[in-house]
Amino acid sequence: MRVNFSSSLLTGIWSFIYGESGGTTLGKQQKLEQVAYLYIKDQIIQRNWQLGHHIIEANISDELEMSRSPIRAALATLAEEEAVEVKPYRGYFVQDDLHEQDGAGFYLVYFIVIWYRLTDRLKKNRSSMKKDLNTLDDLMKEVRQALDQEDWETFHERVKDLFEVYFAKTKQEFLVEQLLRCYTIVTNAVIDTKPGRAQQDYLTYEALYLSDITYLFKENRFIDTRTLMEMFARFMQKRLPAGEQSEGAIYTPYITN
């Protein structure tokens, strides 16, 4: 099933996974399958896994810190989509380079799925940001200063520092690293089309969203950050180049329209 990247795509992901807006709630196993599905696609898109590459379930299990069951389910779905090939008694192999899906739209989807996974972990661990309040305040101050000085490199570095503090307690280092990479890809795609004043306006809105998201983290309201991140993701999606949105079209069985 081919689903074009649009606001309905993001809405579908969130409602289908988390039961919002009348969607069907998925269990833990299916949430993990979603992460594994996008991770495997990302490895293929990045050319980390070339055509014919033998996909080792144990390696994915170690990287994502999950059991093999959701990984097998994700691979079975990808085999149905003919992105990978299953060979009896040998396993799964890359069959399609997915070059048509190499776009910022894909990485915006990956970003939001990781965000939900990490906030799930914070809630499950009953994490507290009490010891991080000053750090978060200082980073937001630096974000605003960079914005005022039009120092875009520092702005983005401090934003990524914020994300790292948000999710440090998840101890999901690989997923946090992927979150930062997705953010960078999507942001660069947007910024490249926003010269001068338009770029500053975009980053001003981003800083406003981050200020509210940081407040929620300080209050340990991790799940509530999803509403603001949904708004921010839609804000970013509308500002992606048309070509990137087209390239961001993805195949996925986890989305309802």
C-alpha atoms as a PDB file:
ATOM      1  CA  MET A   1       0.000   0.000   0.000  1.00  0.00           C
ATOM      2  CA  ARG A   2       1.530   3.320  -1.030  1.00  0.00           C
ATOM      3  CA  VAL A   3       0.729   6.286   1.187  1.00  0.00           C
ATOM      4  CA  ASN A   4       1.656   9.801   0.114  1.00  0.00           C
ATOM      5  CA  PHE A   5       3.358  11.948   2.717  1.00  0.00           C
ATOM      6  CA  SER A   6       0.868  14.561   3.827  1.00  0.00           C
ATOM      7  CA  SER A   7      -0.763  15.833   6.981  1.00  0.00           C
ATOM      8  CA  SER A   8      -3.106  12.827   6.802  1.00  0.00           C
ATOM      9  CA  LEU A   9      -0.078  10.547   6.910  1.00  0.00           C
ATOM     10  CA  LEU A  10       1.117  12.003  10.204  1.00  0.00           C
ATOM     11  CA  THR A  11      -2.384  12.018  11.640  1.00  0.00           C
ATOM     12  CA  GLY A  12      -2.767   8.400  10.598  1.00  0.00           C
ATOM     13  CA  ILE A  13       0.439   7.348  12.310  1.00  0.00           C
ATOM     14  CA  TRP A  14      -0.448   9.020  15.596  1.00  0.00           C
ATOM     15  CA  SER A  15      -4.101   7.963  15.709  1.00  0.00           C
ATOM     16  CA  PHE A  16      -3.393   4.409  14.603  1.00  0.00           C
ATOM     17  CA  ILE A  17      -0.540   3.759  17.021  1.00  0.00           C
ATOM     18  CA  TYR A  18      -1.905   5.586  20.023  1.00  0.00           C
ATOM     19  CA  GLY A  19      -5.650   5.340  19.602  1.00  0.00           C
ATOM     20  CA  GLU A  20      -6.212   9.075  19.189  1.00  0.00           C
ATOM     21  CA  SER A  21      -8.908  10.589  16.987  1.00  0.00           C
ATOM     22  CA  GLY A  22     -10.762   7.313  16.709  1.00  0.00           C
ATOM     23  CA  GLY A  23      -7.746   5.259  15.688  1.00  0.00           C
ATOM     24  CA  THR A  24      -7.109   1.661  16.668  1.00  0.00           C
ATOM     25  CA  THR A  25      -4.740   1.274  19.611  1.00  0.00           C
ATOM     26  CA  LEU A  26      -1.782  -0.992  18.941  1.00  0.00           C
ATOM     27  CA  GLY A  27      -0.181  -3.109  21.616  1.00  0.00           C
ATOM     28  CA  LYS A  28       3.438  -2.928  22.735  1.00  0.00           C
ATOM     29  CA  GLN A  29       4.510  -5.576  20.212  1.00  0.00           C
ATOM     30  CA  GLN A  30       3.092  -3.618  17.279  1.00  0.00           C
ATOM     31  CA  LYS A  31       4.607  -0.336  18.499  1.00  0.00           C
ATOM     32  CA  LEU A  32       8.028  -2.001  18.510  1.00  0.00           C
ATOM     33  CA  GLU A  33       7.313  -3.447  15.081  1.00  0.00           C
ATOM     34  CA  GLN A  34       6.735   0.096  13.811  1.00  0.00           C
ATOM     35  CA  VAL A  35      10.173   1.180  15.060  1.00  0.00           C
ATOM     36  CA  ALA A  36      11.845  -1.892  13.569  1.00  0.00           C
ATOM     37  CA  TYR A  37      10.060  -1.399  10.252  1.00  0.00           C
ATOM     38  CA  LEU A  38      11.288   2.187   9.855  1.00  0.00           C
ATOM     39  CA  TYR A  39      14.769   1.334  11.118  1.00  0.00           C
ATOM     40  CA  ILE A  40      15.207  -1.384   8.495  1.00  0.00           C
ATOM     41  CA  LYS A  41      13.948   0.910   5.752  1.00  0.00           C
ATOM     42  CA  ASP A  42      16.334   3.609   6.894  1.00  0.00           C
ATOM     43  CA  GLN A  43      19.309   1.262   6.707  1.00  0.00           C
ATOM     44  CA  ILE A  44      18.379   0.409   3.124  1.00  0.00           C
ATOM     45  CA  ILE A  45      17.704   4.032   2.131  1.00  0.00           C
ATOM     46  CA  GLN A  46      21.061   5.123   3.570  1.00  0.00           C
ATOM     47  CA  ARG A  47      22.773   2.390   1.534  1.00  0.00           C
ATOM     48  CA  ASN A  48      24.159   0.908   4.729  1.00  0.00           C
ATOM     49  CA  TRP A  49      22.593  -2.302   3.483  1.00  0.00           C
ATOM     50  CA  GLN A  50      23.130  -2.848  -0.226  1.00  0.00           C
ATOM     51  CA  LEU A  51      21.103  -5.082  -2.534  1.00  0.00           C
ATOM     52  CA  GLY A  52      21.619  -8.674  -1.490  1.00  0.00           C
ATOM     53  CA  HIS A  53      22.648  -7.749   2.059  1.00  0.00           C
ATOM     54  CA  HIS A  54      21.827 -10.479   4.579  1.00  0.00           C
ATOM     55  CA  ILE A  55      19.730  -8.938   7.356  1.00  0.00           C
ATOM     56  CA  ILE A  56      20.686 -10.361  10.746  1.00  0.00           C
ATOM     57  CA  GLU A  57      17.854 -10.236  13.266  1.00  0.00           C
ATOM     58  CA  ALA A  58      20.204 -10.527  16.246  1.00  0.00           C
ATOM     59  CA  ASN A  59      22.085  -7.392  15.185  1.00  0.00           C
ATOM     60  CA  ILE A  60      18.857  -5.385  14.910  1.00  0.00           C
ATOM     61  CA  SER A  61      17.729  -6.731  18.270  1.00  0.00           C
ATOM     62  CA  ASP A  62      20.940  -5.503  19.907  1.00  0.00           C
ATOM     63  CA  GLU A  63      20.786  -2.107  18.177  1.00  0.00           C
ATOM     64  CA  LEU A  64      17.148  -1.380  19.020  1.00  0.00           C
ATOM     65  CA  GLU A  65      17.144  -3.167  22.378  1.00  0.00           C
ATOM     66  CA  MET A  66      14.062  -5.221  21.621  1.00  0.00           C
ATOM     67  CA  SER A  67      13.222  -8.880  21.182  1.00  0.00           C
ATOM     68  CA  ARG A  68      13.301 -10.540  17.780  1.00  0.00           C
ATOM     69  CA  SER A  69       9.535 -11.053  17.522  1.00  0.00           C
ATOM     70  CA  PRO A  70       8.637  -7.506  16.378  1.00  0.00           C
ATOM     71  CA  ILE A  71      11.681  -7.527  14.090  1.00  0.00           C
ATOM     72  CA  ARG A  72      10.503 -10.723  12.393  1.00  0.00           C
ATOM     73  CA  ALA A  73       7.033  -9.224  11.997  1.00  0.00           C
ATOM     74  CA  ALA A  74       8.506  -6.071  10.419  1.00  0.00           C
ATOM     75  CA  LEU A  75      10.640  -8.160   8.061  1.00  0.00           C
ATOM     76  CA  ALA A  76       7.627 -10.234   7.049  1.00  0.00           C
ATOM     77  CA  THR A  77       5.768  -7.022   6.182  1.00  0.00           C
ATOM     78  CA  LEU A  78       8.739  -5.719   4.187  1.00  0.00           C
ATOM     79  CA  ALA A  79       8.876  -9.039   2.354  1.00  0.00           C
ATOM     80  CA  GLU A  80       5.217  -8.585   1.370  1.00  0.00           C
ATOM     81  CA  GLU A  81       6.168  -5.156   0.021  1.00  0.00           C
ATOM     82  CA  GLU A  82       9.084  -6.770  -1.861  1.00  0.00           C
ATOM     83  CA  ALA A  83      11.618  -4.514  -0.158  1.00  0.00           C
ATOM     84  CA  VAL A  84      13.310  -7.618   1.228  1.00  0.00           C
ATOM     85  CA  GLU A  85      13.369 -11.217   0.097  1.00  0.00           C
ATOM     86  CA  VAL A  86      13.042 -14.249   2.345  1.00  0.00           C
ATOM     87  CA  LYS A  87      15.114 -17.288   1.399  1.00  0.00           C
ATOM     88  CA  PRO A  88      14.126 -20.563   3.083  1.00  0.00           C
ATOM     89  CA  TYR A  89      16.614 -21.680   5.745  1.00  0.00           C
ATOM     90  CA  ARG A  90      18.787 -18.616   5.054  1.00  0.00           C
ATOM     91  CA  GLY A  91      16.841 -15.575   6.209  1.00  0.00           C
ATOM     92  CA  TYR A  92      16.017 -12.135   4.817  1.00  0.00           C
ATOM     93  CA  PHE A  93      17.966 -10.232   2.152  1.00  0.00           C
ATOM     94  CA  VAL A  94      17.639  -6.703   0.739  1.00  0.00           C
ATOM     95  CA  GLN A  95      15.786  -6.799  -2.569  1.00  0.00           C
ATOM     96  CA  ASP A  96      14.921  -3.131  -3.290  1.00  0.00           C
ATOM     97  CA  ASP A  97      17.140  -0.071  -2.747  1.00  0.00           C
ATOM     98  CA  LEU A  98      14.049   2.079  -1.974  1.00  0.00           C
ATOM     99  CA  HIS A  99      15.656   5.044  -3.746  1.00  0.00           C
ATOM    100  CA  GLU A 100      12.224   6.576  -4.424  1.00  0.00           C
ATOM    101  CA  GLN A 101      11.662   6.947  -0.696  1.00  0.00           C
ATOM    102  CA  ASP A 102      14.879   8.813   0.080  1.00  0.00           C
ATOM    103  CA  GLY A 103      13.463  12.173   1.184  1.00  0.00           C
ATOM    104  CA  ALA A 104      12.920  14.445   4.172  1.00  0.00           C
ATOM    105  CA  GLY A 105       9.297  13.289   4.400  1.00  0.00           C
ATOM    106  CA  PHE A 106      10.401   9.800   5.376  1.00  0.00           C
ATOM    107  CA  TYR A 107      12.679  11.176   8.072  1.00  0.00           C
ATOM    108  CA  LEU A 108       9.920  13.348   9.516  1.00  0.00           C
ATOM    109  CA  VAL A 109       7.837  10.184   9.951  1.00  0.00           C
ATOM    110  CA  TYR A 110      10.823   8.377  11.489  1.00  0.00           C
ATOM    111  CA  PHE A 111      11.430  11.342  13.819  1.00  0.00           C
ATOM    112  CA  ILE A 112       7.904  11.371  15.224  1.00  0.00           C
ATOM    113  CA  VAL A 113       7.772   7.590  15.693  1.00  0.00           C
ATOM    114  CA  ILE A 114      11.041   7.714  17.644  1.00  0.00           C
ATOM    115  CA  TRP A 115       9.716  10.632  19.712  1.00  0.00           C
ATOM    116  CA  TYR A 116       6.706   8.565  20.712  1.00  0.00           C
ATOM    117  CA  ARG A 117       8.853   5.550  21.512  1.00  0.00           C
ATOM    118  CA  LEU A 118      11.171   7.590  23.731  1.00  0.00           C
ATOM    119  CA  THR A 119       8.359   9.353  25.594  1.00  0.00           C
ATOM    120  CA  ASP A 120       6.801   5.927  26.176  1.00  0.00           C
ATOM    121  CA  ARG A 121      10.057   4.865  27.806  1.00  0.00           C
ATOM    122  CA  LEU A 122      10.196   7.965  30.023  1.00  0.00           C
ATOM    123  CA  LYS A 123       6.656   7.330  31.210  1.00  0.00           C
ATOM    124  CA  LYS A 124       7.305   3.642  31.818  1.00  0.00           C
ATOM    125  CA  ASN A 125      10.447   4.431  33.830  1.00  0.00           C
ATOM    126  CA  ARG A 126       8.603   7.128  35.813  1.00  0.00           C
ATOM    127  CA  SER A 127      11.473   9.439  35.002  1.00  0.00           C
ATOM    128  CA  SER A 128      11.892  12.832  36.630  1.00  0.00           C
ATOM    129  CA  MET A 129      13.565  15.904  35.167  1.00  0.00           C
ATOM    130  CA  LYS A 130      14.031  17.497  38.601  1.00  0.00           C
ATOM    131  CA  LYS A 131      17.831  17.442  38.376  1.00  0.00           C
ATOM    132  CA  ASP A 132      17.773  18.835  34.828  1.00  0.00           C
ATOM    133  CA  LEU A 133      15.712  21.983  35.363  1.00  0.00           C
ATOM    134  CA  ASN A 134      18.652  24.392  35.330  1.00  0.00           C
ATOM    135  CA  THR A 135      20.218  22.680  32.324  1.00  0.00           C
ATOM    136  CA  LEU A 136      16.984  22.938  30.356  1.00  0.00           C
ATOM    137  CA  ASP A 137      16.563  26.598  31.282  1.00  0.00           C
ATOM    138  CA  ASP A 138      20.151  27.373  30.269  1.00  0.00           C
ATOM    139  CA  LEU A 139      19.792  25.597  26.931  1.00  0.00           C
ATOM    140  CA  MET A 140      16.548  27.397  26.106  1.00  0.00           C
ATOM    141  CA  LYS A 141      18.252  30.689  26.967  1.00  0.00           C
ATOM    142  CA  GLU A 142      21.060  29.831  24.534  1.00  0.00           C
ATOM    143  CA  VAL A 143      18.522  28.903  21.858  1.00  0.00           C
ATOM    144  CA  ARG A 144      16.888  32.327  22.197  1.00  0.00           C
ATOM    145  CA  GLN A 145      20.250  34.096  22.185  1.00  0.00           C
ATOM    146  CA  ALA A 146      21.304  32.266  19.022  1.00  0.00           C
ATOM    147  CA  LEU A 147      18.000  33.239  17.430  1.00  0.00           C
ATOM    148  CA  ASP A 148      18.476  36.900  18.342  1.00  0.00           C
ATOM    149  CA  GLN A 149      22.034  36.835  16.962  1.00  0.00           C
ATOM    150  CA  GLU A 150      20.949  34.915  13.847  1.00  0.00           C
ATOM    151  CA  ASP A 151      23.543  32.280  14.676  1.00  0.00           C
ATOM    152  CA  TRP A 152      21.807  29.347  13.039  1.00  0.00           C
ATOM    153  CA  GLU A 153      24.569  26.792  13.627  1.00  0.00           C
ATOM    154  CA  THR A 154      24.523  27.411  17.379  1.00  0.00           C
ATOM    155  CA  PHE A 155      20.718  27.437  17.339  1.00  0.00           C
ATOM    156  CA  HIS A 156      20.538  23.923  15.918  1.00  0.00           C
ATOM    157  CA  GLU A 157      23.303  22.603  18.137  1.00  0.00           C
ATOM    158  CA  ARG A 158      21.495  23.827  21.253  1.00  0.00           C
ATOM    159  CA  VAL A 159      18.222  22.307  20.016  1.00  0.00           C
ATOM    160  CA  LYS A 160      19.944  18.950  19.654  1.00  0.00           C
ATOM    161  CA  ASP A 161      21.417  19.395  23.126  1.00  0.00           C
ATOM    162  CA  LEU A 162      17.875  19.907  24.410  1.00  0.00           C
ATOM    163  CA  PHE A 163      16.731  16.677  22.774  1.00  0.00           C
ATOM    164  CA  GLU A 164      19.612  14.810  24.377  1.00  0.00           C
ATOM    165  CA  VAL A 165      18.669  16.103  27.829  1.00  0.00           C
ATOM    166  CA  TYR A 166      14.990  15.320  27.244  1.00  0.00           C
ATOM    167  CA  PHE A 167      15.720  11.677  26.553  1.00  0.00           C
ATOM    168  CA  ALA A 168      18.937  10.903  28.417  1.00  0.00           C
ATOM    169  CA  LYS A 169      17.041   8.914  31.044  1.00  0.00           C
ATOM    170  CA  THR A 170      15.624   6.530  28.449  1.00  0.00           C
ATOM    171  CA  LYS A 171      19.133   5.065  28.039  1.00  0.00           C
ATOM    172  CA  GLN A 172      18.188   4.499  24.393  1.00  0.00           C
ATOM    173  CA  GLU A 173      21.344   6.046  22.972  1.00  0.00           C
ATOM    174  CA  PHE A 174      20.908   4.682  19.473  1.00  0.00           C
ATOM    175  CA  LEU A 175      17.331   5.940  19.126  1.00  0.00           C
ATOM    176  CA  VAL A 176      18.306   9.357  20.496  1.00  0.00           C
ATOM    177  CA  GLU A 177      21.095   9.469  17.917  1.00  0.00           C
ATOM    178  CA  GLN A 178      18.582   8.603  15.192  1.00  0.00           C
ATOM    179  CA  LEU A 179      16.199  11.282  16.455  1.00  0.00           C
ATOM    180  CA  LEU A 180      18.943  13.914  16.144  1.00  0.00           C
ATOM    181  CA  ARG A 181      19.838  12.738  12.654  1.00  0.00           C
ATOM    182  CA  CYS A 182      16.209  12.852  11.495  1.00  0.00           C
ATOM    183  CA  TYR A 183      15.807  16.337  12.948  1.00  0.00           C
ATOM    184  CA  THR A 184      18.912  17.522  11.097  1.00  0.00           C
ATOM    185  CA  ILE A 185      17.778  16.076   7.758  1.00  0.00           C
ATOM    186  CA  VAL A 186      14.287  17.579   7.981  1.00  0.00           C
ATOM    187  CA  THR A 187      15.491  20.944   9.267  1.00  0.00           C
ATOM    188  CA  ASN A 188      18.103  21.253   6.532  1.00  0.00           C
ATOM    189  CA  ALA A 189      15.471  20.458   3.905  1.00  0.00           C
ATOM    190  CA  VAL A 190      13.239  23.230   5.243  1.00  0.00           C
ATOM    191  CA  ILE A 191      15.976  25.805   5.848  1.00  0.00           C
ATOM    192  CA  ASP A 192      17.429  25.377   2.360  1.00  0.00           C
ATOM    193  CA  THR A 193      14.206  26.849   0.971  1.00  0.00           C
ATOM    194  CA  LYS A 194      13.996  29.699   3.516  1.00  0.00           C
ATOM    195  CA  PRO A 195      16.560  32.433   2.822  1.00  0.00           C
ATOM    196  CA  GLY A 196      16.999  35.532   4.971  1.00  0.00           C
ATOM    197  CA  ARG A 197      13.924  36.754   6.805  1.00  0.00           C
ATOM    198  CA  ALA A 198      11.851  33.667   5.994  1.00  0.00           C
ATOM    199  CA  GLN A 199      14.474  31.502   7.689  1.00  0.00           C
ATOM    200  CA  GLN A 200      14.426  33.642  10.812  1.00  0.00           C
ATOM    201  CA  ASP A 201      10.621  33.536  10.930  1.00  0.00           C
ATOM    202  CA  TYR A 202      10.674  29.734  10.687  1.00  0.00           C
ATOM    203  CA  LEU A 203      13.229  29.409  13.483  1.00  0.00           C
ATOM    204  CA  THR A 204      11.285  31.857  15.638  1.00  0.00           C
ATOM    205  CA  TYR A 205       8.277  29.546  15.469  1.00  0.00           C
ATOM    206  CA  GLU A 206      10.507  26.563  16.192  1.00  0.00           C
ATOM    207  CA  ALA A 207      11.864  28.290  19.309  1.00  0.00           C
ATOM    208  CA  LEU A 208       8.305  28.960  20.502  1.00  0.00           C
ATOM    209  CA  TYR A 209       7.349  25.304  20.131  1.00  0.00           C
ATOM    210  CA  LEU A 210      10.538  24.227  21.913  1.00  0.00           C
ATOM    211  CA  SER A 211       9.894  26.619  24.788  1.00  0.00           C
ATOM    212  CA  ASP A 212       6.505  25.012  25.442  1.00  0.00           C
ATOM    213  CA  ILE A 213       7.840  21.482  24.952  1.00  0.00           C
ATOM    214  CA  THR A 214      10.664  22.183  27.399  1.00  0.00           C
ATOM    215  CA  TYR A 215       8.144  23.444  29.961  1.00  0.00           C
ATOM    216  CA  LEU A 216       6.249  20.152  29.695  1.00  0.00           C
ATOM    217  CA  PHE A 217       9.436  18.136  30.141  1.00  0.00           C
ATOM    218  CA  LYS A 218      10.266  20.167  33.252  1.00  0.00           C
ATOM    219  CA  GLU A 219       6.829  19.215  34.573  1.00  0.00           C
ATOM    220  CA  ASN A 220       7.425  15.522  33.698  1.00  0.00           C
ATOM    221  CA  ARG A 221       4.461  15.679  31.325  1.00  0.00           C
ATOM    222  CA  PHE A 222       6.204  13.547  28.722  1.00  0.00           C
ATOM    223  CA  ILE A 223       3.116  12.233  26.974  1.00  0.00           C
ATOM    224  CA  ASP A 224       1.697  15.752  26.688  1.00  0.00           C
ATOM    225  CA  THR A 225       4.709  16.768  24.585  1.00  0.00           C
ATOM    226  CA  ARG A 226       3.253  14.683  21.771  1.00  0.00           C
ATOM    227  CA  THR A 227       0.500  17.197  21.078  1.00  0.00           C
ATOM    228  CA  LEU A 228       3.007  20.001  20.609  1.00  0.00           C
ATOM    229  CA  MET A 229       5.352  17.796  18.632  1.00  0.00           C
ATOM    230  CA  GLU A 230       2.456  16.849  16.373  1.00  0.00           C
ATOM    231  CA  MET A 231       1.811  20.543  15.759  1.00  0.00           C
ATOM    232  CA  PHE A 232       5.502  21.199  15.140  1.00  0.00           C
ATOM    233  CA  ALA A 233       5.794  18.228  12.780  1.00  0.00           C
ATOM    234  CA  ARG A 234       2.847  19.487  10.755  1.00  0.00           C
ATOM    235  CA  PHE A 235       4.439  22.928  10.763  1.00  0.00           C
ATOM    236  CA  MET A 236       7.666  21.424   9.347  1.00  0.00           C
ATOM    237  CA  GLN A 237       5.819  19.214   6.861  1.00  0.00           C
ATOM    238  CA  LYS A 238       4.024  22.177   5.288  1.00  0.00           C
ATOM    239  CA  ARG A 239       7.375  23.874   4.726  1.00  0.00           C
ATOM    240  CA  LEU A 240       9.183  20.980   3.097  1.00  0.00           C
ATOM    241  CA  PRO A 241       9.944  21.449  -0.604  1.00  0.00           C
ATOM    242  CA  ALA A 242       7.259  19.861  -2.790  1.00  0.00           C
ATOM    243  CA  GLY A 243       9.833  17.467  -4.224  1.00  0.00           C
ATOM    244  CA  GLU A 244      10.865  16.301  -0.773  1.00  0.00           C
ATOM    245  CA  GLN A 245       7.245  15.630   0.153  1.00  0.00           C
ATOM    246  CA  SER A 246       6.881  13.500  -2.958  1.00  0.00           C
ATOM    247  CA  GLU A 247      10.088  11.626  -2.182  1.00  0.00           C
ATOM    248  CA  GLY A 248       8.821  11.155   1.340  1.00  0.00           C
ATOM    249  CA  ALA A 249       5.969   8.942   0.157  1.00  0.00           C
ATOM    250  CA  ILE A 250       6.353   5.647   1.945  1.00  0.00           C
ATOM    251  CA  TYR A 251       4.841   2.209   2.000  1.00  0.00           C
ATOM    252  CA  THR A 252       3.569   1.183   5.399  1.00  0.00           C
ATOM    253  CA  PRO A 253       0.847  -1.104   6.719  1.00  0.00           C
ATOM    254  CA  TYR A 254       0.626   0.852   9.982  1.00  0.00           C
ATOM    255  CA  ILE A 255      -1.257   3.894   8.718  1.00  0.00           C
ATOM    256  CA  THR A 256      -4.999   4.428   8.360  1.00  0.00           C
ATOM    257  CA  ASN A 257      -6.449   7.241   6.268  1.00  0.00           C
END
